[in-house]
Amino acid sequence: AIQGGVLNVYINTKLMQDREYAKKINNEAEQICKEFIGRCEKVYKLVE
């Protein structure tokens, strides 16, 4: 859900003319990925 969401953010920000706004949204999405994808992977590995 997180990784799918971020790709759907990027496909829209990529086409924006306002690159400052696009960068802001991308940064917010990237921070979510940075923190939470690893935590999901850790849970999976623990279970495995």
All heavy atoms as atom14 arrays in JSON, in Angstrom:
{
  "sequence": "AIQGGVLNVYINTKLMQDREYAKKINNEAEQICKEFIGRCEKVYKLVE",
  "atom14_mask": [
    [1, 1, 1, 1, 1, 0, 0, 0, 0, 0, 0, 0, 0, 0],
    [1, 1, 1, 1, 1, 1, 1, 1, 0, 0, 0, 0, 0, 0],
    [1, 1, 1, 1, 1, 1, 1, 1, 1, 0, 0, 0, 0, 0],
    [1, 1, 1, 1, 0, 0, 0, 0, 0, 0, 0, 0, 0, 0],
    [1, 1, 1, 1, 0, 0, 0, 0, 0, 0, 0, 0, 0, 0],
    [1, 1, 1, 1, 1, 1, 1, 0, 0, 0, 0, 0, 0, 0],
    [1, 1, 1, 1, 1, 1, 1, 1, 0, 0, 0, 0, 0, 0],
    [1, 1, 1, 1, 1, 1, 1, 1, 0, 0, 0, 0, 0, 0],
    [1, 1, 1, 1, 1, 1, 1, 0, 0, 0, 0, 0, 0, 0],
    [1, 1, 1, 1, 1, 1, 1, 1, 1, 1, 1, 1, 0, 0],
    [1, 1, 1, 1, 1, 1, 1, 1, 0, 0, 0, 0, 0, 0],
    [1, 1, 1, 1, 1, 1, 1, 1, 0, 0, 0, 0, 0, 0],
    [1, 1, 1, 1, 1, 1, 1, 0, 0, 0, 0, 0, 0, 0],
    [1, 1, 1, 1, 1, 1, 1, 1, 1, 0, 0, 0, 0, 0],
    [1, 1, 1, 1, 1, 1, 1, 1, 0, 0, 0, 0, 0, 0],
    [1, 1, 1, 1, 1, 1, 1, 1, 0, 0, 0, 0, 0, 0],
    [1, 1, 1, 1, 1, 1, 1, 1, 1, 0, 0, 0, 0, 0],
    [1, 1, 1, 1, 1, 1, 1, 1, 0, 0, 0, 0, 0, 0],
    [1, 1, 1, 1, 1, 1, 1, 1, 1, 1, 1, 0, 0, 0],
    [1, 1, 1, 1, 1, 1, 1, 1, 1, 0, 0, 0, 0, 0],
    [1, 1, 1, 1, 1, 1, 1, 1, 1, 1, 1, 1, 0, 0],
    [1, 1, 1, 1, 1, 0, 0, 0, 0, 0, 0, 0, 0, 0],
    [1, 1, 1, 1, 1, 1, 1, 1, 1, 0, 0, 0, 0, 0],
    [1, 1, 1, 1, 1, 1, 1, 1, 1, 0, 0, 0, 0, 0],
    [1, 1, 1, 1, 1, 1, 1, 1, 0, 0, 0, 0, 0, 0],
    [1, 1, 1, 1, 1, 1, 1, 1, 0, 0, 0, 0, 0, 0],
    [1, 1, 1, 1, 1, 1, 1, 1, 0, 0, 0, 0, 0, 0],
    [1, 1, 1, 1, 1, 1, 1, 1, 1, 0, 0, 0, 0, 0],
    [1, 1, 1, 1, 1, 0, 0, 0, 0, 0, 0, 0, 0, 0],
    [1, 1, 1, 1, 1, 1, 1, 1, 1, 0, 0, 0, 0, 0],
    [1, 1, 1, 1, 1, 1, 1, 1, 1, 0, 0, 0, 0, 0],
    [1, 1, 1, 1, 1, 1, 1, 1, 0, 0, 0, 0, 0, 0],
    [1, 1, 1, 1, 1, 1, 0, 0, 0, 0, 0, 0, 0, 0],
    [1, 1, 1, 1, 1, 1, 1, 1, 1, 0, 0, 0, 0, 0],
    [1, 1, 1, 1, 1, 1, 1, 1, 1, 0, 0, 0, 0, 0],
    [1, 1, 1, 1, 1, 1, 1, 1, 1, 1, 1, 0, 0, 0],
    [1, 1, 1, 1, 1, 1, 1, 1, 0, 0, 0, 0, 0, 0],
    [1, 1, 1, 1, 0, 0, 0, 0, 0, 0, 0, 0, 0, 0],
    [1, 1, 1, 1, 1, 1, 1, 1, 1, 1, 1, 0, 0, 0],
    [1, 1, 1, 1, 1, 1, 0, 0, 0, 0, 0, 0, 0, 0],
    [1, 1, 1, 1, 1, 1, 1, 1, 1, 0, 0, 0, 0, 0],
    [1, 1, 1, 1, 1, 1, 1, 1, 1, 0, 0, 0, 0, 0],
    [1, 1, 1, 1, 1, 1, 1, 0, 0, 0, 0, 0, 0, 0],
    [1, 1, 1, 1, 1, 1, 1, 1, 1, 1, 1, 1, 0, 0],
    [1, 1, 1, 1, 1, 1, 1, 1, 1, 0, 0, 0, 0, 0],
    [1, 1, 1, 1, 1, 1, 1, 1, 0, 0, 0, 0, 0, 0],
    [1, 1, 1, 1, 1, 1, 1, 0, 0, 0, 0, 0, 0, 0],
    [1, 1, 1, 1, 1, 1, 1, 1, 1, 0, 0, 0, 0, 0]
  ],
  "atom14_positions": [
    [[0.83, -1.21, 0.0], [0.0, 0.0, 0.0], [0.86, 1.25, 0.0], [0.58, 2.22, -0.72], [-0.92, 0.0, 1.21], [0.0, 0.0, 0.0], [0.0, 0.0, 0.0], [0.0, 0.0, 0.0], [0.0, 0.0, 0.0], [0.0, 0.0, 0.0], [0.0, 0.0, 0.0], [0.0, 0.0, 0.0], [0.0, 0.0, 0.0], [0.0, 0.0, 0.0]],
    [[1.92, 1.23, 0.79], [2.82, 2.38, 0.87], [3.59, 2.56, -0.43], [3.66, 3.66, -0.99], [3.79, 2.23, 2.06], [3.02, 2.26, 3.39], [4.85, 3.34, 2.04], [3.86, 1.9, 4.6], [0.0, 0.0, 0.0], [0.0, 0.0, 0.0], [0.0, 0.0, 0.0], [0.0, 0.0, 0.0], [0.0, 0.0, 0.0], [0.0, 0.0, 0.0]],
    [[4.17, 1.48, -0.93], [4.97, 1.58, -2.14], [4.11, 1.86, -3.37], [4.52, 2.6, -4.27], [5.79, 0.3, -2.33], [6.9, 0.16, -1.3], [7.74, -1.08, -1.5], [7.23, -2.2, -1.49], [9.03, -0.89, -1.71], [0.0, 0.0, 0.0], [0.0, 0.0, 0.0], [0.0, 0.0, 0.0], [0.0, 0.0, 0.0], [0.0, 0.0, 0.0]],
    [[2.92, 1.29, -3.41], [2.01, 1.59, -4.5], [1.56, 3.04, -4.45], [1.47, 3.72, -5.47], [0.0, 0.0, 0.0], [0.0, 0.0, 0.0], [0.0, 0.0, 0.0], [0.0, 0.0, 0.0], [0.0, 0.0, 0.0], [0.0, 0.0, 0.0], [0.0, 0.0, 0.0], [0.0, 0.0, 0.0], [0.0, 0.0, 0.0], [0.0, 0.0, 0.0]],
    [[1.32, 3.52, -3.23], [0.92, 4.91, -3.06], [1.98, 5.88, -3.55], [1.68, 6.86, -4.24], [0.0, 0.0, 0.0], [0.0, 0.0, 0.0], [0.0, 0.0, 0.0], [0.0, 0.0, 0.0], [0.0, 0.0, 0.0], [0.0, 0.0, 0.0], [0.0, 0.0, 0.0], [0.0, 0.0, 0.0], [0.0, 0.0, 0.0], [0.0, 0.0, 0.0]],
    [[3.22, 5.61, -3.21], [4.29, 6.55, -3.57], [4.48, 6.62, -5.09], [4.75, 7.69, -5.64], [5.62, 6.21, -2.86], [6.33, 5.03, -3.48], [6.54, 7.43, -2.85], [0.0, 0.0, 0.0], [0.0, 0.0, 0.0], [0.0, 0.0, 0.0], [0.0, 0.0, 0.0], [0.0, 0.0, 0.0], [0.0, 0.0, 0.0], [0.0, 0.0, 0.0]],
    [[4.31, 5.51, -5.77], [4.42, 5.53, -7.23], [3.32, 6.38, -7.86], [3.54, 7.06, -8.86], [4.36, 4.1, -7.79], [5.54, 3.19, -7.45], [5.33, 1.81, -8.05], [6.86, 3.77, -7.92], [0.0, 0.0, 0.0], [0.0, 0.0, 0.0], [0.0, 0.0, 0.0], [0.0, 0.0, 0.0], [0.0, 0.0, 0.0], [0.0, 0.0, 0.0]],
    [[2.14, 6.34, -7.24], [1.03, 7.14, -7.74], [1.17, 8.61, -7.38], [0.54, 9.47, -8.01], [-0.3, 6.57, -7.23], [-0.74, 5.37, -8.04], [-1.37, 5.51, -9.08], [-0.38, 4.19, -7.58], [0.0, 0.0, 0.0], [0.0, 0.0, 0.0], [0.0, 0.0, 0.0], [0.0, 0.0, 0.0], [0.0, 0.0, 0.0], [0.0, 0.0, 0.0]],
    [[1.98, 8.9, -6.39], [2.35, 10.3, -6.11], [3.33, 10.77, -7.17], [3.13, 11.81, -7.81], [2.98, 10.44, -4.7], [3.62, 11.83, -4.54], [1.93, 10.22, -3.62], [0.0, 0.0, 0.0], [0.0, 0.0, 0.0], [0.0, 0.0, 0.0], [0.0, 0.0, 0.0], [0.0, 0.0, 0.0], [0.0, 0.0, 0.0], [0.0, 0.0, 0.0]],
    [[4.35, 9.97, -7.4], [5.42, 10.37, -8.33], [4.93, 10.57, -9.76], [5.41, 11.47, -10.46], [6.53, 9.32, -8.33], [7.35, 9.23, -7.07], [8.08, 8.09, -6.77], [7.4, 10.29, -6.17], [8.84, 7.99, -5.61], [8.14, 10.2, -5.0], [8.87, 9.05, -4.73], [9.62, 8.96, -3.58], [0.0, 0.0, 0.0], [0.0, 0.0, 0.0]],
    [[3.99, 9.74, -10.2], [3.54, 9.86, -11.59], [2.82, 11.19, -11.82], [2.78, 11.7, -12.95], [2.64, 8.67, -12.0], [2.56, 8.58, -13.52], [1.26, 8.77, -11.36], [1.94, 7.31, -14.04], [0.0, 0.0, 0.0], [0.0, 0.0, 0.0], [0.0, 0.0, 0.0], [0.0, 0.0, 0.0], [0.0, 0.0, 0.0], [0.0, 0.0, 0.0]],
    [[2.28, 11.77, -10.74], [1.61, 13.07, -10.84], [2.57, 14.23, -10.63], [2.53, 15.22, -11.37], [0.47, 13.14, -9.84], [-0.68, 12.21, -10.21], [-1.22, 12.29, -11.31], [-1.04, 11.32, -9.31], [0.0, 0.0, 0.0], [0.0, 0.0, 0.0], [0.0, 0.0, 0.0], [0.0, 0.0, 0.0], [0.0, 0.0, 0.0], [0.0, 0.0, 0.0]],
    [[3.45, 14.12, -9.65], [4.39, 15.22, -9.4], [5.38, 15.38, -10.55], [5.88, 16.47, -10.8], [5.17, 14.99, -8.09], [5.84, 13.73, -8.12], [4.23, 15.04, -6.88], [0.0, 0.0, 0.0], [0.0, 0.0, 0.0], [0.0, 0.0, 0.0], [0.0, 0.0, 0.0], [0.0, 0.0, 0.0], [0.0, 0.0, 0.0], [0.0, 0.0, 0.0]],
    [[5.64, 14.28, -11.25], [6.58, 14.32, -12.37], [6.14, 15.31, -13.45], [6.97, 15.92, -14.13], [6.7, 12.91, -12.97], [7.67, 12.78, -14.13], [7.69, 11.35, -14.63], [8.62, 11.19, -15.84], [10.04, 11.44, -15.5], [0.0, 0.0, 0.0], [0.0, 0.0, 0.0], [0.0, 0.0, 0.0], [0.0, 0.0, 0.0], [0.0, 0.0, 0.0]],
    [[4.83, 15.47, -13.6], [4.29, 16.31, -14.67], [3.98, 17.74, -14.22], [3.57, 18.56, -15.04], [3.02, 15.67, -15.24], [3.2, 14.29, -15.87], [1.85, 13.71, -16.27], [4.13, 14.36, -17.07], [0.0, 0.0, 0.0], [0.0, 0.0, 0.0], [0.0, 0.0, 0.0], [0.0, 0.0, 0.0], [0.0, 0.0, 0.0], [0.0, 0.0, 0.0]],
    [[4.18, 18.02, -12.95], [3.85, 19.35, -12.44], [4.84, 20.4, -12.93], [6.05, 20.15, -13.01], [3.85, 19.35, -10.91], [2.68, 18.62, -10.29], [2.78, 18.68, -8.48], [1.3, 17.75, -8.05], [0.0, 0.0, 0.0], [0.0, 0.0, 0.0], [0.0, 0.0, 0.0], [0.0, 0.0, 0.0], [0.0, 0.0, 0.0], [0.0, 0.0, 0.0]],
    [[4.33, 21.58, -13.23], [5.17, 22.7, -13.61], [5.78, 23.37, -12.38], [6.9, 23.88, -12.43], [4.35, 23.73, -14.41], [3.81, 23.19, -15.73], [4.91, 22.69, -16.66], [5.88, 23.42, -16.9], [4.77, 21.47, -17.16], [0.0, 0.0, 0.0], [0.0, 0.0, 0.0], [0.0, 0.0, 0.0], [0.0, 0.0, 0.0], [0.0, 0.0, 0.0]],
    [[5.03, 23.37, -11.3], [5.51, 23.94, -10.05], [6.42, 22.93, -9.38], [6.01, 22.1, -8.58], [4.32, 24.28, -9.14], [4.74, 25.03, -7.87], [5.94, 25.03, -7.55], [3.85, 25.59, -7.2], [0.0, 0.0, 0.0], [0.0, 0.0, 0.0], [0.0, 0.0, 0.0], [0.0, 0.0, 0.0], [0.0, 0.0, 0.0], [0.0, 0.0, 0.0]],
    [[7.7, 23.0, -9.7], [8.65, 22.01, -9.21], [8.9, 22.13, -7.71], [9.24, 21.15, -7.06], [9.98, 22.13, -9.97], [9.89, 21.88, -11.47], [9.03, 20.66, -11.8], [9.55, 19.44, -11.17], [8.83, 18.33, -11.03], [7.57, 18.28, -11.43], [9.36, 17.26, -10.47], [0.0, 0.0, 0.0], [0.0, 0.0, 0.0], [0.0, 0.0, 0.0]],
    [[8.71, 23.31, -7.16], [8.89, 23.49, -5.72], [7.82, 22.71, -4.97], [8.1, 22.03, -3.98], [8.81, 24.98, -5.37], [9.33, 25.32, -3.99], [10.82, 25.02, -3.81], [11.59, 25.19, -4.78], [11.21, 24.61, -2.71], [0.0, 0.0, 0.0], [0.0, 0.0, 0.0], [0.0, 0.0, 0.0], [0.0, 0.0, 0.0], [0.0, 0.0, 0.0]],
    [[6.59, 22.83, -5.45], [5.48, 22.09, -4.82], [5.68, 20.59, -5.02], [5.46, 19.8, -4.09], [4.15, 22.53, -5.42], [2.96, 21.85, -4.79], [2.42, 22.32, -3.6], [2.37, 20.73, -5.39], [1.33, 21.69, -3.01], [1.28, 20.09, -4.81], [0.77, 20.58, -3.63], [-0.31, 19.95, -3.04], [0.0, 0.0, 0.0], [0.0, 0.0, 0.0]],
    [[6.08, 20.2, -6.2], [6.31, 18.78, -6.5], [7.38, 18.21, -5.57], [7.23, 17.09, -5.05], [6.72, 18.61, -7.95], [0.0, 0.0, 0.0], [0.0, 0.0, 0.0], [0.0, 0.0, 0.0], [0.0, 0.0, 0.0], [0.0, 0.0, 0.0], [0.0, 0.0, 0.0], [0.0, 0.0, 0.0], [0.0, 0.0, 0.0], [0.0, 0.0, 0.0]],
    [[8.42, 18.98, -5.36], [9.5, 18.54, -4.48], [9.01, 18.37, -3.05], [9.39, 17.41, -2.36], [10.66, 19.55, -4.53], [11.87, 19.13, -3.72], [12.99, 20.17, -3.84], [14.2, 19.76, -3.0], [15.29, 20.76, -3.1], [0.0, 0.0, 0.0], [0.0, 0.0, 0.0], [0.0, 0.0, 0.0], [0.0, 0.0, 0.0], [0.0, 0.0, 0.0]],
    [[8.17, 19.28, -2.61], [7.62, 19.21, -1.26], [6.81, 17.93, -1.06], [6.96, 17.22, -0.05], [6.73, 20.43, -1.0], [6.01, 20.41, 0.34], [5.03, 21.57, 0.44], [4.18, 21.46, 1.7], [3.14, 22.51, 1.77], [0.0, 0.0, 0.0], [0.0, 0.0, 0.0], [0.0, 0.0, 0.0], [0.0, 0.0, 0.0], [0.0, 0.0, 0.0]],
    [[5.94, 17.62, -2.03], [5.12, 16.41, -1.95], [5.99, 15.16, -2.02], [5.8, 14.19, -1.28], [4.07, 16.39, -3.07], [3.11, 17.58, -2.93], [3.29, 15.08, -3.05], [2.32, 17.61, -1.65], [0.0, 0.0, 0.0], [0.0, 0.0, 0.0], [0.0, 0.0, 0.0], [0.0, 0.0, 0.0], [0.0, 0.0, 0.0], [0.0, 0.0, 0.0]],
    [[6.96, 15.17, -2.93], [7.87, 14.03, -3.06], [8.63, 13.78, -1.77], [8.8, 12.63, -1.35], [8.85, 14.26, -4.2], [8.23, 14.05, -5.57], [7.12, 13.53, -5.68], [8.93, 14.47, -6.61], [0.0, 0.0, 0.0], [0.0, 0.0, 0.0], [0.0, 0.0, 0.0], [0.0, 0.0, 0.0], [0.0, 0.0, 0.0], [0.0, 0.0, 0.0]],
    [[9.1, 14.85, -1.15], [9.85, 14.71, 0.1], [8.99, 14.1, 1.2], [9.45, 13.25, 1.98], [10.39, 16.06, 0.56], [11.57, 16.54, -0.27], [12.2, 15.75, -0.97], [11.87, 17.83, -0.21], [0.0, 0.0, 0.0], [0.0, 0.0, 0.0], [0.0, 0.0, 0.0], [0.0, 0.0, 0.0], [0.0, 0.0, 0.0], [0.0, 0.0, 0.0]],
    [[7.75, 14.54, 1.27], [6.83, 14.0, 2.28], [6.61, 12.51, 2.05], [6.64, 11.71, 2.99], [5.5, 14.76, 2.21], [4.54, 14.4, 3.33], [3.29, 15.25, 3.34], [3.14, 16.13, 2.47], [2.43, 15.01, 4.22], [0.0, 0.0, 0.0], [0.0, 0.0, 0.0], [0.0, 0.0, 0.0], [0.0, 0.0, 0.0], [0.0, 0.0, 0.0]],
    [[6.4, 12.14, 0.8], [6.19, 10.72, 0.46], [7.44, 9.89, 0.72], [7.37, 8.77, 1.24], [5.78, 10.6, -1.0], [0.0, 0.0, 0.0], [0.0, 0.0, 0.0], [0.0, 0.0, 0.0], [0.0, 0.0, 0.0], [0.0, 0.0, 0.0], [0.0, 0.0, 0.0], [0.0, 0.0, 0.0], [0.0, 0.0, 0.0], [0.0, 0.0, 0.0]],
    [[8.59, 10.46, 0.4], [9.86, 9.76, 0.59], [10.14, 9.5, 2.07], [10.67, 8.44, 2.44], [11.01, 10.55, -0.03], [11.03, 10.49, -1.55], [11.93, 11.55, -2.16], [12.69, 12.21, -1.41], [11.87, 11.74, -3.39], [0.0, 0.0, 0.0], [0.0, 0.0, 0.0], [0.0, 0.0, 0.0], [0.0, 0.0, 0.0], [0.0, 0.0, 0.0]],
    [[9.79, 10.46, 2.91], [9.99, 10.29, 4.35], [9.14, 9.16, 4.9], [9.57, 8.4, 5.77], [9.69, 11.6, 5.08], [10.75, 12.66, 4.94], [12.13, 12.18, 5.4], [12.28, 11.65, 6.51], [13.12, 12.35, 4.57], [0.0, 0.0, 0.0], [0.0, 0.0, 0.0], [0.0, 0.0, 0.0], [0.0, 0.0, 0.0], [0.0, 0.0, 0.0]],
    [[7.92, 9.05, 4.41], [7.04, 7.95, 4.82], [7.66, 6.62, 4.43], [7.73, 5.68, 5.23], [5.65, 8.11, 4.19], [4.92, 9.32, 4.78], [4.81, 6.83, 4.4], [3.63, 9.67, 4.09], [0.0, 0.0, 0.0], [0.0, 0.0, 0.0], [0.0, 0.0, 0.0], [0.0, 0.0, 0.0], [0.0, 0.0, 0.0], [0.0, 0.0, 0.0]],
    [[8.13, 6.53, 3.2], [8.78, 5.29, 2.72], [10.0, 4.95, 3.55], [10.2, 3.79, 3.93], [9.17, 5.43, 1.25], [7.78, 5.45, 0.11], [0.0, 0.0, 0.0], [0.0, 0.0, 0.0], [0.0, 0.0, 0.0], [0.0, 0.0, 0.0], [0.0, 0.0, 0.0], [0.0, 0.0, 0.0], [0.0, 0.0, 0.0], [0.0, 0.0, 0.0]],
    [[10.78, 5.96, 3.81], [12.04, 5.76, 4.54], [11.81, 5.16, 5.92], [12.56, 4.29, 6.37], [12.78, 7.09, 4.66], [14.16, 6.98, 5.28], [14.86, 8.34, 5.28], [16.25, 8.24, 5.89], [16.94, 9.56, 5.91], [0.0, 0.0, 0.0], [0.0, 0.0, 0.0], [0.0, 0.0, 0.0], [0.0, 0.0, 0.0], [0.0, 0.0, 0.0]],
    [[10.76, 5.61, 6.59], [10.5, 5.12, 7.94], [9.71, 3.83, 7.97], [10.04, 2.89, 8.71], [9.75, 6.17, 8.75], [9.4, 5.68, 10.16], [8.71, 6.72, 11.02], [8.56, 7.87, 10.57], [8.3, 6.37, 12.14], [0.0, 0.0, 0.0], [0.0, 0.0, 0.0], [0.0, 0.0, 0.0], [0.0, 0.0, 0.0], [0.0, 0.0, 0.0]],
    [[8.66, 3.72, 7.16], [7.69, 2.66, 7.37], [7.89, 1.41, 6.52], [7.47, 0.32, 6.92], [6.28, 3.21, 7.19], [5.88, 4.15, 8.29], [6.04, 5.52, 8.14], [5.39, 3.66, 9.49], [5.7, 6.39, 9.17], [5.04, 4.51, 10.53], [5.19, 5.89, 10.36], [0.0, 0.0, 0.0], [0.0, 0.0, 0.0], [0.0, 0.0, 0.0]],
    [[8.52, 1.53, 5.36], [8.77, 0.33, 4.57], [9.7, -0.62, 5.32], [9.47, -1.83, 5.39], [9.34, 0.68, 3.18], [8.25, 1.32, 2.32], [9.89, -0.56, 2.48], [8.74, 1.82, 0.97], [0.0, 0.0, 0.0], [0.0, 0.0, 0.0], [0.0, 0.0, 0.0], [0.0, 0.0, 0.0], [0.0, 0.0, 0.0], [0.0, 0.0, 0.0]],
    [[10.74, -0.06, 5.91], [11.68, -0.86, 6.68], [11.01, -1.55, 7.87], [11.34, -2.7, 8.21], [0.0, 0.0, 0.0], [0.0, 0.0, 0.0], [0.0, 0.0, 0.0], [0.0, 0.0, 0.0], [0.0, 0.0, 0.0], [0.0, 0.0, 0.0], [0.0, 0.0, 0.0], [0.0, 0.0, 0.0], [0.0, 0.0, 0.0], [0.0, 0.0, 0.0]],
    [[10.07, -0.88, 8.49], [9.36, -1.46, 9.63], [8.46, -2.62, 9.18], [8.36, -3.63, 9.89], [8.57, -0.38, 10.37], [9.47, 0.57, 11.14], [8.73, 1.79, 11.67], [7.76, 1.46, 12.71], [7.04, 2.38, 13.36], [7.2, 3.68, 13.06], [6.17, 2.02, 14.3], [0.0, 0.0, 0.0], [0.0, 0.0, 0.0], [0.0, 0.0, 0.0]],
    [[7.84, -2.48, 8.03], [7.04, -3.58, 7.47], [7.93, -4.78, 7.17], [7.58, -5.93, 7.47], [6.32, -3.14, 6.2], [4.95, -2.0, 6.45], [0.0, 0.0, 0.0], [0.0, 0.0, 0.0], [0.0, 0.0, 0.0], [0.0, 0.0, 0.0], [0.0, 0.0, 0.0], [0.0, 0.0, 0.0], [0.0, 0.0, 0.0], [0.0, 0.0, 0.0]],
    [[9.07, -4.51, 6.57], [10.01, -5.58, 6.23], [10.51, -6.29, 7.49], [10.68, -7.51, 7.5], [11.19, -5.01, 5.45], [10.82, -4.56, 4.04], [11.97, -3.88, 3.31], [12.93, -3.45, 4.0], [11.91, -3.78, 2.07], [0.0, 0.0, 0.0], [0.0, 0.0, 0.0], [0.0, 0.0, 0.0], [0.0, 0.0, 0.0], [0.0, 0.0, 0.0]],
    [[10.72, -5.52, 8.54], [11.21, -6.09, 9.81], [10.16, -7.03, 10.4], [10.49, -8.1, 10.91], [11.54, -4.97, 10.79], [12.21, -5.46, 12.07], [12.65, -4.28, 12.94], [13.31, -4.79, 14.22], [13.74, -3.65, 15.09], [0.0, 0.0, 0.0], [0.0, 0.0, 0.0], [0.0, 0.0, 0.0], [0.0, 0.0, 0.0], [0.0, 0.0, 0.0]],
    [[8.89, -6.62, 10.34], [7.81, -7.48, 10.84], [7.76, -8.77, 10.03], [7.68, -9.87, 10.58], [6.44, -6.75, 10.77], [5.3, -7.73, 11.02], [6.38, -5.62, 11.78], [0.0, 0.0, 0.0], [0.0, 0.0, 0.0], [0.0, 0.0, 0.0], [0.0, 0.0, 0.0], [0.0, 0.0, 0.0], [0.0, 0.0, 0.0], [0.0, 0.0, 0.0]],
    [[7.82, -8.64, 8.71], [7.79, -9.82, 7.85], [8.94, -10.77, 8.18], [8.75, -11.98, 8.29], [7.85, -9.42, 6.38], [7.92, -10.61, 5.45], [6.75, -11.29, 5.08], [9.14, -11.1, 4.99], [6.8, -12.4, 4.26], [9.21, -12.22, 4.18], [8.03, -12.85, 3.81], [8.09, -13.97, 3.0], [0.0, 0.0, 0.0], [0.0, 0.0, 0.0]],
    [[10.13, -10.21, 8.32], [11.31, -11.04, 8.59], [11.2, -11.73, 9.94], [11.59, -12.9, 10.08], [12.57, -10.16, 8.55], [13.87, -10.95, 8.45], [13.93, -11.71, 7.13], [15.18, -12.58, 7.04], [15.19, -13.39, 5.81], [0.0, 0.0, 0.0], [0.0, 0.0, 0.0], [0.0, 0.0, 0.0], [0.0, 0.0, 0.0], [0.0, 0.0, 0.0]],
    [[10.67, -11.02, 10.93], [10.47, -11.62, 12.25], [9.51, -12.8, 12.18], [9.77, -13.86, 12.76], [9.95, -10.56, 13.22], [9.89, -10.9, 14.71], [9.98, -9.61, 15.53], [8.62, -11.65, 15.07], [0.0, 0.0, 0.0], [0.0, 0.0, 0.0], [0.0, 0.0, 0.0], [0.0, 0.0, 0.0], [0.0, 0.0, 0.0], [0.0, 0.0, 0.0]],
    [[8.42, -12.61, 11.47], [7.45, -13.68, 11.29], [8.06, -14.86, 10.54], [7.92, -16.01, 10.94], [6.19, -13.17, 10.54], [5.27, -14.34, 10.16], [5.43, -12.16, 11.39], [0.0, 0.0, 0.0], [0.0, 0.0, 0.0], [0.0, 0.0, 0.0], [0.0, 0.0, 0.0], [0.0, 0.0, 0.0], [0.0, 0.0, 0.0], [0.0, 0.0, 0.0]],
    [[8.76, -14.56, 9.46], [9.39, -15.61, 8.66], [10.36, -16.42, 9.49], [10.37, -17.67, 9.44], [10.11, -14.98, 7.47], [10.77, -16.0, 6.55], [11.58, -15.33, 5.47], [12.42, -14.46, 5.79], [11.4, -15.68, 4.29], [0.0, 0.0, 0.0], [0.0, 0.0, 0.0], [0.0, 0.0, 0.0], [0.0, 0.0, 0.0], [0.0, 0.0, 0.0]]
  ]
}
